[in-house]
Amino acid sequence: MGVSLDLRKAFMSRQLGDITAIYSWVNDERALVLVPTFRNGAPWYVVLESAAFKYDDPAYLARQCATACDVLGMEPSKANWVRVASIINEGLPDLIRMPSAPPAEYMRGSMGHMQLRVDGQTVAGEEIRLEKEGASYG
């Protein structure tokens, strides 16, 4: 199953030299996606939130950094392993703090305006907007 990322819809991204760390959602789960910055079409390395706790173990982190370097097409040197480990380790707090789902997208325009009034005075109001529905498979 393919996955595509739209950087306009990502929560945030950071370019860290030749690696870009993208904080987004993959299969409705928060994810830290490492992408080679200057090589289009190269594979990505994804850290899902459900597996983030495993990266607290130094042995697991070391093994996964070697795998990440291989996936990203980087030279498997200790310097690159440490660099990838730093990106993952420093990115985990941001991964946990990001929203659990992307913000809702709305159709262009509005269907009207609603107001809450008390004794004839407007207390609150907002536009009536329709939320875009994503693809559903069933």
C-alpha atoms as a PDB file:
ATOM      1  CA  MET A   1       0.000   0.000   0.000  1.00  0.00           C
ATOM      2  CA  GLY A   2       1.469   3.349  -1.026  1.00  0.00           C
ATOM      3  CA  VAL A   3       1.584   6.420   1.154  1.00  0.00           C
ATOM      4  CA  SER A   4       1.869  10.013   0.007  1.00  0.00           C
ATOM      5  CA  LEU A   5       2.644  13.084   2.066  1.00  0.00           C
ATOM      6  CA  ASP A   6       1.464  16.568   1.269  1.00  0.00           C
ATOM      7  CA  LEU A   7       3.809  18.986   3.042  1.00  0.00           C
ATOM      8  CA  ARG A   8       1.056  21.603   3.044  1.00  0.00           C
ATOM      9  CA  LYS A   9      -0.960  19.292   5.321  1.00  0.00           C
ATOM     10  CA  ALA A  10       1.913  18.130   7.531  1.00  0.00           C
ATOM     11  CA  PHE A  11       1.967  19.393  11.099  1.00  0.00           C
ATOM     12  CA  MET A  12       5.532  20.656  10.668  1.00  0.00           C
ATOM     13  CA  SER A  13       8.787  19.824   8.966  1.00  0.00           C
ATOM     14  CA  ARG A  14      12.452  20.519   9.669  1.00  0.00           C
ATOM     15  CA  GLN A  15      15.312  20.353   7.206  1.00  0.00           C
ATOM     16  CA  LEU A  16      18.350  18.987   9.003  1.00  0.00           C
ATOM     17  CA  GLY A  17      21.078  18.977   6.382  1.00  0.00           C
ATOM     18  CA  ASP A  18      20.411  16.232   3.845  1.00  0.00           C
ATOM     19  CA  ILE A  19      17.519  14.786   5.905  1.00  0.00           C
ATOM     20  CA  THR A  20      14.090  16.372   6.279  1.00  0.00           C
ATOM     21  CA  ALA A  21      12.046  15.384   9.329  1.00  0.00           C
ATOM     22  CA  ILE A  22       8.321  15.598   8.574  1.00  0.00           C
ATOM     23  CA  TYR A  23       5.766  15.360  11.382  1.00  0.00           C
ATOM     24  CA  SER A  24       2.520  14.153   9.862  1.00  0.00           C
ATOM     25  CA  TRP A  25      -0.062  11.387  10.027  1.00  0.00           C
ATOM     26  CA  VAL A  26       0.368   7.988   8.353  1.00  0.00           C
ATOM     27  CA  ASN A  27      -2.663   5.689   8.368  1.00  0.00           C
ATOM     28  CA  ASP A  28      -4.367   7.955  10.937  1.00  0.00           C
ATOM     29  CA  GLU A  29      -1.427   7.695  13.341  1.00  0.00           C
ATOM     30  CA  ARG A  30       1.103  10.355  14.276  1.00  0.00           C
ATOM     31  CA  ALA A  31       4.411   9.742  12.538  1.00  0.00           C
ATOM     32  CA  LEU A  32       7.913  11.147  12.190  1.00  0.00           C
ATOM     33  CA  VAL A  33       8.966  10.627   8.578  1.00  0.00           C
ATOM     34  CA  LEU A  34      12.621  10.968   7.612  1.00  0.00           C
ATOM     35  CA  VAL A  35      13.074  11.842   3.938  1.00  0.00           C
ATOM     36  CA  PRO A  36      16.294  12.465   1.992  1.00  0.00           C
ATOM     37  CA  THR A  37      16.177  16.190   1.216  1.00  0.00           C
ATOM     38  CA  PHE A  38      18.001  16.259  -2.102  1.00  0.00           C
ATOM     39  CA  ARG A  39      17.073  12.895  -3.669  1.00  0.00           C
ATOM     40  CA  ASN A  40      13.586  12.781  -5.168  1.00  0.00           C
ATOM     41  CA  GLY A  41      11.937   9.378  -5.226  1.00  0.00           C
ATOM     42  CA  ALA A  42      14.184   7.948  -2.493  1.00  0.00           C
ATOM     43  CA  PRO A  43      12.636   5.705   0.204  1.00  0.00           C
ATOM     44  CA  TRP A  44      11.521   7.148   3.541  1.00  0.00           C
ATOM     45  CA  TYR A  45      12.053   5.965   7.085  1.00  0.00           C
ATOM     46  CA  VAL A  46       8.912   6.216   9.252  1.00  0.00           C
ATOM     47  CA  VAL A  47       8.693   6.210  13.051  1.00  0.00           C
ATOM     48  CA  LEU A  48       5.066   5.632  14.084  1.00  0.00           C
ATOM     49  CA  GLU A  49       3.860   6.865  17.451  1.00  0.00           C
ATOM     50  CA  SER A  50       2.834   3.329  18.455  1.00  0.00           C
ATOM     51  CA  ALA A  51       6.483   2.241  18.153  1.00  0.00           C
ATOM     52  CA  ALA A  52       8.085   5.394  19.575  1.00  0.00           C
ATOM     53  CA  PHE A  53       8.568   3.886  23.051  1.00  0.00           C
ATOM     54  CA  LYS A  54      10.971   1.299  21.571  1.00  0.00           C
ATOM     55  CA  TYR A  55      13.436   4.051  20.620  1.00  0.00           C
ATOM     56  CA  ASP A  56      14.076   4.673  24.337  1.00  0.00           C
ATOM     57  CA  ASP A  57      16.139   1.454  24.374  1.00  0.00           C
ATOM     58  CA  PRO A  58      19.705   2.328  23.202  1.00  0.00           C
ATOM     59  CA  ALA A  59      20.247  -1.119  21.610  1.00  0.00           C
ATOM     60  CA  TYR A  60      17.012  -0.858  19.600  1.00  0.00           C
ATOM     61  CA  LEU A  61      17.817   2.729  18.610  1.00  0.00           C
ATOM     62  CA  ALA A  62      21.279   1.678  17.374  1.00  0.00           C
ATOM     63  CA  ARG A  63      19.834  -1.167  15.260  1.00  0.00           C
ATOM     64  CA  GLN A  64      17.133   1.052  13.794  1.00  0.00           C
ATOM     65  CA  CYS A  65      19.595   3.837  12.963  1.00  0.00           C
ATOM     66  CA  ALA A  66      21.623   1.366  10.899  1.00  0.00           C
ATOM     67  CA  THR A  67      18.399   0.330   9.157  1.00  0.00           C
ATOM     68  CA  ALA A  68      17.395   3.983   8.641  1.00  0.00           C
ATOM     69  CA  CYS A  69      20.750   4.791   7.033  1.00  0.00           C
ATOM     70  CA  ASP A  70      20.318   1.826   4.705  1.00  0.00           C
ATOM     71  CA  VAL A  71      16.756   2.837   3.782  1.00  0.00           C
ATOM     72  CA  LEU A  72      17.678   6.493   3.247  1.00  0.00           C
ATOM     73  CA  GLY A  73      20.657   5.541   1.065  1.00  0.00           C
ATOM     74  CA  MET A  74      23.242   6.987   3.428  1.00  0.00           C
ATOM     75  CA  GLU A  75      26.711   5.623   4.086  1.00  0.00           C
ATOM     76  CA  PRO A  76      26.412   3.275   7.094  1.00  0.00           C
ATOM     77  CA  SER A  77      29.003   5.069   9.242  1.00  0.00           C
ATOM     78  CA  LYS A  78      28.881   5.699  12.967  1.00  0.00           C
ATOM     79  CA  ALA A  79      28.664   9.453  12.324  1.00  0.00           C
ATOM     80  CA  ASN A  80      25.506   8.980  10.230  1.00  0.00           C
ATOM     81  CA  TRP A  81      24.044   6.571  12.794  1.00  0.00           C
ATOM     82  CA  VAL A  82      24.563   9.161  15.543  1.00  0.00           C
ATOM     83  CA  ARG A  83      23.064  11.887  13.352  1.00  0.00           C
ATOM     84  CA  VAL A  84      19.943   9.817  12.608  1.00  0.00           C
ATOM     85  CA  ALA A  85      19.680   8.787  16.274  1.00  0.00           C
ATOM     86  CA  SER A  86      19.826  12.451  17.310  1.00  0.00           C
ATOM     87  CA  ILE A  87      17.117  13.432  14.834  1.00  0.00           C
ATOM     88  CA  ILE A  88      14.822  10.645  16.064  1.00  0.00           C
ATOM     89  CA  ASN A  89      15.586  11.118  19.761  1.00  0.00           C
ATOM     90  CA  GLU A  90      15.149  14.897  19.657  1.00  0.00           C
ATOM     91  CA  GLY A  91      12.010  14.589  17.501  1.00  0.00           C
ATOM     92  CA  LEU A  92      10.055  12.232  19.753  1.00  0.00           C
ATOM     93  CA  PRO A  93       8.772  14.965  22.112  1.00  0.00           C
ATOM     94  CA  ASP A  94       7.431  16.924  19.122  1.00  0.00           C
ATOM     95  CA  LEU A  95       5.818  13.753  17.788  1.00  0.00           C
ATOM     96  CA  ILE A  96       4.006  13.203  21.073  1.00  0.00           C
ATOM     97  CA  ARG A  97       2.921  16.862  21.367  1.00  0.00           C
ATOM     98  CA  MET A  98       1.447  17.160  17.866  1.00  0.00           C
ATOM     99  CA  PRO A  99      -2.351  16.818  17.477  1.00  0.00           C
ATOM    100  CA  SER A 100      -3.728  13.295  17.264  1.00  0.00           C
ATOM    101  CA  ALA A 101      -5.433  14.063  13.943  1.00  0.00           C
ATOM    102  CA  PRO A 102      -4.955  16.635  11.207  1.00  0.00           C
ATOM    103  CA  PRO A 103      -7.169  19.712  11.365  1.00  0.00           C
ATOM    104  CA  ALA A 104     -10.468  19.431   9.533  1.00  0.00           C
ATOM    105  CA  GLU A 105     -10.629  20.721   5.976  1.00  0.00           C
ATOM    106  CA  TYR A 106     -13.659  22.724   4.910  1.00  0.00           C
ATOM    107  CA  MET A 107     -15.263  23.406   1.547  1.00  0.00           C
ATOM    108  CA  ARG A 108     -14.682  26.845   0.086  1.00  0.00           C
ATOM    109  CA  GLY A 109     -17.274  29.436   0.985  1.00  0.00           C
ATOM    110  CA  SER A 110     -19.918  29.220   3.648  1.00  0.00           C
ATOM    111  CA  MET A 111     -23.546  28.190   3.829  1.00  0.00           C
ATOM    112  CA  GLY A 112     -24.486  31.195   5.944  1.00  0.00           C
ATOM    113  CA  HIS A 113     -23.847  32.703   9.344  1.00  0.00           C
ATOM    114  CA  MET A 114     -25.335  31.726  12.691  1.00  0.00           C
ATOM    115  CA  GLN A 115     -25.642  34.017  15.672  1.00  0.00           C
ATOM    116  CA  LEU A 116     -26.396  33.513  19.338  1.00  0.00           C
ATOM    117  CA  ARG A 117     -28.407  36.402  20.743  1.00  0.00           C
ATOM    118  CA  VAL A 118     -29.394  37.301  24.261  1.00  0.00           C
ATOM    119  CA  ASP A 119     -32.091  39.967  24.647  1.00  0.00           C
ATOM    120  CA  GLY A 120     -31.513  41.013  21.031  1.00  0.00           C
ATOM    121  CA  GLN A 121     -27.761  41.465  21.487  1.00  0.00           C
ATOM    122  CA  THR A 122     -25.374  39.249  19.492  1.00  0.00           C
ATOM    123  CA  VAL A 123     -23.236  37.264  21.920  1.00  0.00           C
ATOM    124  CA  ALA A 124     -21.461  34.944  19.478  1.00  0.00           C
ATOM    125  CA  GLY A 125     -21.499  34.007  15.827  1.00  0.00           C
ATOM    126  CA  GLU A 126     -19.708  31.907  13.274  1.00  0.00           C
ATOM    127  CA  GLU A 127     -19.815  30.881   9.631  1.00  0.00           C
ATOM    128  CA  ILE A 128     -21.639  27.673   8.726  1.00  0.00           C
ATOM    129  CA  ARG A 129     -19.146  25.645   6.710  1.00  0.00           C
ATOM    130  CA  LEU A 130     -19.226  22.111   5.327  1.00  0.00           C
ATOM    131  CA  GLU A 131     -16.347  19.803   6.165  1.00  0.00           C
ATOM    132  CA  LYS A 132     -14.718  17.979   3.275  1.00  0.00           C
ATOM    133  CA  GLU A 133     -15.259  14.272   3.417  1.00  0.00           C
ATOM    134  CA  GLY A 134     -12.277  12.085   2.660  1.00  0.00           C
ATOM    135  CA  ALA A 135     -12.352   8.867   0.736  1.00  0.00           C
ATOM    136  CA  SER A 136     -14.130   6.014   2.443  1.00  0.00           C
ATOM    137  CA  TYR A 137     -13.695   2.371   1.635  1.00  0.00           C
ATOM    138  CA  GLY A 138     -16.159  -0.176   2.737  1.00  0.00           C
END
